[in-house]
Protein backbone atom coordinates (compact mmCIF):
# COMPACT_ATOMS: atom_id res chain seq x y z
CA MET A 1 44.50 296.13 -16.50
CA LEU A 2 40.81 296.25 -18.59
CA ARG A 3 40.21 298.93 -20.95
CA PHE A 4 37.16 299.78 -23.65
CA ARG A 5 36.24 302.21 -26.54
CA SER A 6 33.76 302.96 -28.63
CA LEU A 7 34.52 302.56 -32.18
CA GLY A 8 31.42 304.31 -33.30
CA SER A 9 27.79 304.21 -31.73
CA GLY A 10 24.85 304.88 -33.42
CA SER A 11 22.39 304.30 -35.73
CA THR A 12 25.06 303.89 -38.35
CA GLY A 13 26.47 301.48 -36.91
CA ASN A 14 28.18 299.84 -33.39
CA ALA A 15 31.32 298.60 -32.27
CA THR A 16 32.85 298.66 -29.08
CA LEU A 17 36.57 297.38 -28.53
CA VAL A 18 37.09 295.98 -25.12
CA GLU A 19 40.80 295.35 -23.71
CA ALA A 20 42.23 292.61 -21.02
CA THR A 21 45.97 293.04 -20.57
CA SER A 22 47.27 290.41 -18.39
CA GLY A 23 51.42 290.09 -17.90
CA GLY A 24 52.31 290.43 -21.66
CA ARG A 25 49.39 288.87 -22.80
CA VAL A 26 46.21 290.66 -24.28
CA THR A 27 42.92 290.00 -24.81
CA ARG A 28 40.52 292.02 -27.58
CA LEU A 29 36.82 291.49 -27.92
CA LEU A 30 34.97 293.25 -30.68
CA ILE A 31 31.11 293.92 -29.46
CA ASP A 32 29.20 293.94 -32.32
CA CYS A 33 30.95 295.58 -35.80
CA GLY A 34 27.65 297.06 -37.56
CA PHE A 35 29.78 298.83 -40.25
CA ALA A 36 30.98 297.69 -44.00
CA LEU A 37 34.61 296.02 -43.52
CA ARG A 38 36.73 299.04 -44.75
CA HIS A 39 35.46 300.96 -42.41
CA LEU A 40 35.99 298.64 -39.73
CA ASP A 41 39.32 298.50 -40.47
CA THR A 42 39.64 302.18 -40.36
CA ARG A 43 37.95 302.79 -37.36
CA LEU A 44 40.26 299.93 -35.30
CA ALA A 45 43.35 301.72 -37.09
CA ALA A 46 42.00 305.23 -35.21
CA ALA A 47 42.45 302.99 -31.99
CA GLY A 48 46.07 301.64 -33.12
CA LEU A 49 45.13 298.63 -34.02
CA ALA A 50 44.45 295.95 -36.97
CA ALA A 51 41.47 293.97 -37.65
CA ALA A 52 44.16 290.69 -37.02
CA ASP A 53 44.38 291.89 -33.07
CA ILE A 54 40.87 291.04 -32.14
CA ASP A 55 40.60 287.39 -30.62
CA ALA A 56 36.79 287.57 -30.70
CA VAL A 57 33.44 289.17 -31.49
CA PHE A 58 30.04 289.01 -30.21
CA ILE A 59 27.35 289.79 -31.52
CA THR A 60 24.53 291.34 -29.52
CA HIS A 61 21.61 291.21 -31.98
CA GLU A 62 20.73 291.14 -35.78
CA HIS A 63 20.00 294.40 -36.34
CA GLY A 64 22.29 295.78 -39.36
CA ASP A 65 23.58 298.71 -37.43
CA HIS A 66 25.11 295.77 -35.25
CA ILE A 67 25.71 292.64 -37.18
CA GLY A 68 27.30 294.36 -40.23
CA CYS A 69 30.16 292.56 -41.96
CA ALA A 70 30.53 290.00 -38.87
CA ARG A 71 30.73 287.42 -41.45
CA ALA A 72 33.67 289.01 -43.53
CA LEU A 73 34.82 289.74 -40.59
CA SER A 74 35.15 286.15 -39.12
CA ARG A 75 36.25 284.86 -42.72
CA ARG A 76 38.90 286.91 -43.43
CA GLU A 77 40.87 287.29 -40.12
CA GLN A 78 39.56 283.57 -38.82
CA ILE A 79 37.84 285.19 -35.97
CA PRO A 80 35.26 283.24 -33.61
CA VAL A 81 32.38 284.92 -33.28
CA TRP A 82 29.78 284.56 -30.37
CA MET A 83 25.86 285.18 -30.73
CA SER A 84 23.02 284.12 -29.20
CA GLU A 85 21.18 280.98 -31.70
CA GLY A 86 18.16 283.24 -32.29
CA THR A 87 20.00 285.56 -33.41
CA TRP A 88 21.89 283.06 -35.86
CA LEU A 89 18.40 282.28 -36.67
CA ALA A 90 17.46 285.83 -37.83
CA THR A 91 20.33 286.46 -40.22
CA GLY A 92 19.53 283.09 -41.78
CA GLY A 93 21.97 280.67 -39.93
CA HIS A 94 24.54 281.40 -42.05
CA ASP A 95 27.67 278.56 -41.75
CA TYR A 96 31.28 280.60 -40.32
CA GLN A 97 33.50 277.98 -41.11
CA GLY A 98 33.23 276.45 -37.85
CA ARG A 99 34.08 279.54 -35.87
CA LEU A 100 30.62 280.86 -34.74
CA HIS A 101 29.62 279.80 -30.94
CA LEU A 102 26.38 279.97 -29.47
CA ALA A 103 25.27 282.25 -26.49
CA ARG A 104 22.89 282.21 -23.78
CA ASP A 105 21.21 284.27 -21.00
CA GLY A 106 23.72 283.47 -17.60
CA VAL A 107 25.96 281.15 -19.17
CA ASP A 108 29.84 282.75 -19.03
CA ILE A 109 32.02 282.56 -22.13
CA GLU A 110 35.96 282.72 -21.49
CA VAL A 111 38.26 284.15 -23.39
CA GLY A 112 41.36 284.46 -23.02
CA ASP A 113 41.59 286.80 -19.94
CA LEU A 114 38.18 287.99 -20.50
CA CYS A 115 35.22 286.23 -18.65
CA ILE A 116 31.80 287.93 -21.10
CA GLN A 117 28.64 287.37 -19.32
CA PRO A 118 25.49 287.91 -21.89
CA PHE A 119 21.73 288.63 -20.45
CA THR A 120 18.65 289.13 -21.90
CA VAL A 121 17.12 292.29 -22.96
CA PRO A 122 13.54 293.58 -23.99
CA HIS A 123 14.48 294.87 -27.27
CA ASP A 124 12.26 293.85 -30.97
CA ALA A 125 14.91 291.31 -32.07
CA ARG A 126 14.81 287.47 -31.91
CA GLU A 127 16.95 286.66 -28.60
CA PRO A 128 18.89 289.91 -28.12
CA LEU A 129 21.81 289.76 -25.59
CA GLN A 130 23.38 292.70 -24.08
CA LEU A 131 27.10 291.79 -21.59
CA ARG A 132 29.41 292.04 -18.57
CA CYS A 133 32.61 291.89 -18.97
CA THR A 134 35.51 291.01 -16.57
CA ASP A 135 39.52 290.37 -16.25
CA GLY A 136 38.49 288.82 -12.55
CA ALA A 137 39.28 292.14 -10.72
CA ARG A 138 37.50 294.94 -13.01
CA HIS A 139 33.92 295.16 -14.18
CA LEU A 140 32.32 296.19 -17.63
CA GLY A 141 28.96 296.89 -18.29
CA VAL A 142 27.27 297.54 -22.41
CA LEU A 143 23.71 298.05 -22.30
CA THR A 144 22.46 299.08 -25.70
CA ASP A 145 19.03 298.43 -27.79
CA LEU A 146 16.35 297.72 -25.10
CA GLY A 147 13.10 299.82 -24.46
CA HIS A 148 12.89 299.47 -20.58
CA ALA A 149 15.59 297.57 -17.80
CA THR A 150 13.89 294.52 -16.51
CA PRO A 151 14.83 293.34 -12.82
CA HIS A 152 17.28 291.14 -14.55
CA VAL A 153 19.05 293.70 -16.45
CA LEU A 154 19.36 295.76 -13.29
CA ALA A 155 20.59 292.80 -11.25
CA CYS A 156 23.24 292.04 -13.88
CA LEU A 157 24.92 295.90 -14.00
CA MET A 158 24.79 295.85 -10.25
CA GLY A 159 28.89 296.71 -8.97
CA LEU A 160 30.29 297.97 -12.19
CA ASP A 161 33.56 299.51 -12.41
CA ALA A 162 31.70 301.26 -16.38
CA LEU A 163 28.81 301.16 -17.83
CA LEU A 164 28.05 302.16 -21.71
CA LEU A 165 24.98 302.88 -21.50
CA GLU A 166 22.53 303.65 -24.27
CA PHE A 167 20.73 307.14 -24.01
CA ASN A 168 19.02 306.86 -27.70
CA HIS A 169 16.18 309.78 -27.46
CA ASP A 170 14.61 312.56 -25.80
CA SER A 171 11.55 311.46 -25.42
CA ASP A 172 10.12 315.35 -26.38
CA LEU A 173 12.07 315.66 -29.30
CA LEU A 174 10.80 312.14 -30.64
CA ALA A 175 7.49 313.09 -30.13
CA GLY A 176 7.76 316.21 -32.06
CA SER A 177 10.02 314.74 -34.71
CA ALA A 178 8.98 314.10 -38.63
CA TYR A 179 8.81 310.23 -37.76
CA PRO A 180 5.74 308.60 -38.85
CA PRO A 181 3.30 307.16 -35.93
CA PHE A 182 4.38 303.54 -36.09
CA LEU A 183 8.46 304.52 -35.80
CA LYS A 184 7.60 306.95 -32.61
CA GLN A 185 5.91 303.96 -31.17
CA ARG A 186 8.64 301.51 -31.63
CA VAL A 187 11.10 303.36 -30.88
CA GLY A 188 9.62 304.42 -27.42
CA GLY A 189 7.95 301.25 -27.07
CA ASN A 190 9.07 298.91 -24.28
CA TYR A 191 10.81 296.75 -27.09
CA GLY A 192 12.52 299.93 -28.57
CA HIS A 193 15.18 302.17 -27.18
CA LEU A 194 16.26 304.23 -24.49
CA SER A 195 14.91 307.33 -23.52
CA ASN A 196 17.52 310.25 -21.73
CA SER A 197 14.86 309.52 -18.01
CA ALA A 198 14.91 305.78 -18.81
CA ALA A 199 18.45 305.83 -19.33
CA ALA A 200 19.47 307.98 -16.28
CA ALA A 201 16.84 306.21 -14.08
CA ILE A 202 19.49 302.95 -15.05
CA ALA A 203 22.56 304.57 -14.13
CA ARG A 204 20.95 306.34 -11.25
CA ALA A 205 19.80 302.67 -9.73
CA VAL A 206 23.61 301.34 -10.31
CA HIS A 207 25.74 303.86 -9.26
CA HIS A 208 27.86 303.78 -6.27
CA GLY A 209 31.25 304.51 -5.35
CA GLY A 210 32.89 302.44 -7.62
CA LEU A 211 32.13 303.38 -10.72
CA ARG A 212 34.62 305.05 -12.63
CA HIS A 213 33.32 305.43 -16.11
CA LEU A 214 29.27 306.07 -17.33
CA LEU A 215 29.36 306.45 -21.32
CA ALA A 216 26.78 307.27 -23.09
CA ALA A 217 25.85 305.42 -26.57
CA HIS A 218 23.72 304.89 -29.33
CA LEU A 219 22.57 308.36 -28.95
CA SER A 220 19.75 309.52 -31.83
CA GLU A 221 21.19 312.01 -33.97
CA GLN A 222 17.05 313.35 -34.80
CA ASN A 223 16.09 313.03 -31.80
CA ASN A 224 18.48 313.64 -29.41
CA ARG A 225 21.36 316.03 -28.53
CA PRO A 226 24.73 315.25 -26.70
CA GLU A 227 24.09 318.59 -24.26
CA ILE A 228 20.76 317.15 -23.59
CA VAL A 229 22.80 313.79 -22.63
CA ARG A 230 25.23 315.12 -20.28
CA GLU A 231 22.69 317.04 -18.45
CA ALA A 232 20.21 313.91 -18.06
CA MET A 233 23.94 312.07 -16.97
CA ALA A 234 25.36 314.68 -14.65
CA ALA A 235 21.80 314.64 -12.88
CA ALA A 236 22.04 310.79 -12.38
CA LEU A 237 25.26 310.89 -11.07
CA GLY A 238 25.51 314.16 -9.11
CA ALA A 239 28.25 315.47 -10.65
CA SER A 240 28.76 317.76 -13.11
CA ALA A 241 27.45 317.75 -17.13
CA HIS A 242 31.37 318.70 -18.76
CA GLU A 243 32.27 315.84 -16.66
CA MET A 244 30.03 313.38 -18.82
CA LEU A 245 30.85 311.36 -22.00
CA THR A 246 28.90 310.51 -25.27
CA ALA A 247 30.42 308.49 -27.81
CA THR A 248 29.50 309.81 -31.22
CA ALA A 249 28.44 307.99 -34.10
CA SER A 250 31.73 308.86 -36.40
CA GLU A 251 34.47 309.06 -33.89
CA GLY A 252 33.34 306.69 -30.62
CA SER A 253 35.13 307.75 -27.84
CA PRO A 254 38.43 307.68 -26.10
CA TRP A 255 40.23 304.48 -24.44
CA LEU A 256 38.99 304.33 -21.13
CA ALA A 257 40.80 302.46 -18.46
CA LEU A 258 39.65 300.80 -15.77
C-alpha cells in the first residue's frame, strides 16, 4: 500500500510524508522539511509518527521553506538525505557526516520499498528537483515550486494514481496585491510559482480515470483563496468543488491512500 500526507504547505514551510507498506515492512520518505526541528516533531506526532520513523529525506531545493531543519534532523536521527548537487552547493556544501546522497534528473533512487524518480523543474533555484514515487504498483507525483510545466515535467506526471500539485496564486489577486513589482514578477514568472490557471492546466493534461487524488498545495496566504482553488480543480477534473482537497500551511492534509 502507498499513502501520503502533507505536514504543512505554504511559504512558511513545506513537508510531505510518503509511506509504502509491503508485508510487515514500512518505508517512510520525508520530502522537504521546511520547519524548525521542534515544529517538525509536533507535526509528525499529529500524523502518529516520530522523526525516528523516517527512513530517508529528499530535499527538492535550497529555499528555506523546503530545506529547513534537514541538517539538524539528519544529524539527530542519522537519517540519509538526498538532494541535487546544485542544491547542496547552494546551501554551502555542508557535511552531512556521510549521510548525503546526490540526486539527478532521471536517475532512480531506491529506498526500501519505494522507488524515487527525480525530475528537473523550472524554478529560481540552482538545481531544483521534484518527484515521482512508486512502490511498484501505485504512483504518486509531487510537484510544487515551478513557474511553468515543461514537456519533460508533463511526461513525468503521466499515469499517476495521485498528485500533490502547487496552486500558488490567483493571478488577479497577485496583480492587485501589495507585493512590490519585482516580487510580483518573480512569483508570476516562468521560474516562480504556478498560478491557479497554470496548475489547473497541468491537472487537466495528466488527468485520467485512475487518478484517485489531487491535493492542492503551496497556496499563497496573501494571493490565493482555498475556495478559488477548489473551483479551479473541479473545473479541471470535471468534478464538484466540495470534493477537492487543499493542504493548509498549519495542518497540511490527512493521510491519503492509493
